[in-house]
Every structure is written in C-alpha cells, then in structure tokens.
C-alpha cells in the first residue's frame, strides 16, 4: 500500500493471520481500522504544508 488508506484497506481484506494465536482480537482490528480511517479523513480534509506554501503563502 502507498497510503494510510491503502494500508487500512489491505488490513481489512487480509487480517486472519493476526487472529491466530490470540495476538489480536477481531474487535481490536476493527478499532484500529476505524482509527486509521479517521486519521486519513482528518489529513485529507486539510491542506498539506507544501500545498499551503504554494498557494496560500503569498
């Protein structure tokens, strides 16, 4: 994956190996996924510092 969202999507599709041996629970994985998607949304809704300097730092 090349982004936080891509990593979350990959984890959502393939996480069975983390459930083996009681390393993680399904609830833990779902919580982690929810947190990462919220993080992604928070970042995507704001300008990147480079973008800000290109367009707003006049």
Protein backbone atom coordinates (compact mmCIF):
# COMPACT_ATOMS: atom_id res chain seq x y z
CA UNK A 1 0.00 0.00 0.00
CA UNK A 2 1.17 3.50 -0.77
CA UNK A 3 -1.05 5.40 1.67
CA UNK A 4 -2.64 5.16 5.08
CA UNK A 5 -6.00 4.44 3.48
CA UNK A 6 -4.45 1.75 1.28
CA UNK A 7 -2.86 0.12 4.31
CA UNK A 8 -6.19 0.15 6.18
CA UNK A 9 -7.96 -1.37 3.19
CA UNK A 10 -5.30 -4.08 2.88
CA UNK A 11 -5.59 -4.87 6.59
CA UNK A 12 -9.36 -5.08 6.29
CA UNK A 13 -9.06 -7.62 3.46
CA UNK A 14 -6.28 -9.70 4.99
CA UNK A 15 -6.09 -9.89 8.78
CA UNK A 16 -6.85 -13.53 9.55
CA UNK A 17 -3.19 -14.21 10.31
CA UNK A 18 -3.35 -11.67 13.15
CA UNK A 19 -6.22 -13.55 14.79
CA UNK A 20 -4.20 -16.76 15.10
CA UNK A 21 -2.68 -17.41 18.50
CA UNK A 22 -4.85 -14.72 20.06
CA UNK A 23 -2.38 -12.00 19.07
CA UNK A 24 -5.22 -9.62 18.18
CA UNK A 25 -8.98 -9.87 18.53
CA UNK A 26 -11.43 -9.02 15.77
CA UNK A 27 -12.62 -6.05 17.87
CA UNK A 28 -9.06 -4.73 18.16
CA UNK A 29 -8.55 -4.89 14.41
CA UNK A 30 -11.89 -3.17 13.76
CA UNK A 31 -10.97 -0.42 16.23
CA UNK A 32 -7.56 0.07 14.62
CA UNK A 33 -9.18 0.27 11.19
CA UNK A 34 -11.72 2.85 12.38
CA UNK A 35 -8.95 4.96 13.94
CA UNK A 36 -6.77 4.88 10.82
CA UNK A 37 -9.67 5.82 8.52
CA UNK A 38 -10.49 8.73 10.86
CA UNK A 39 -6.82 9.77 10.74
CA UNK A 40 -6.85 9.58 6.95
CA UNK A 41 -10.02 11.68 6.72
CA UNK A 42 -8.58 14.30 9.09
CA UNK A 43 -5.47 14.64 6.91
CA UNK A 44 -7.25 14.65 3.58
CA UNK A 45 -9.59 17.47 4.66
CA UNK A 46 -6.70 19.86 5.35
CA UNK A 47 -4.07 21.29 3.02
CA UNK A 48 -0.62 19.76 3.12
CA UNK A 49 2.10 22.21 4.32
CA UNK A 50 3.69 22.22 0.85
CA UNK A 51 0.33 22.88 -0.77
CA UNK A 52 -0.24 25.70 1.71
CA UNK A 53 3.11 27.32 0.87
CA UNK A 54 2.45 27.02 -2.86
CA UNK A 55 -0.98 28.61 -2.89
CA UNK A 56 -1.64 30.49 0.34
CA UNK A 57 1.75 31.91 1.29
CA UNK A 58 1.50 34.96 -0.94
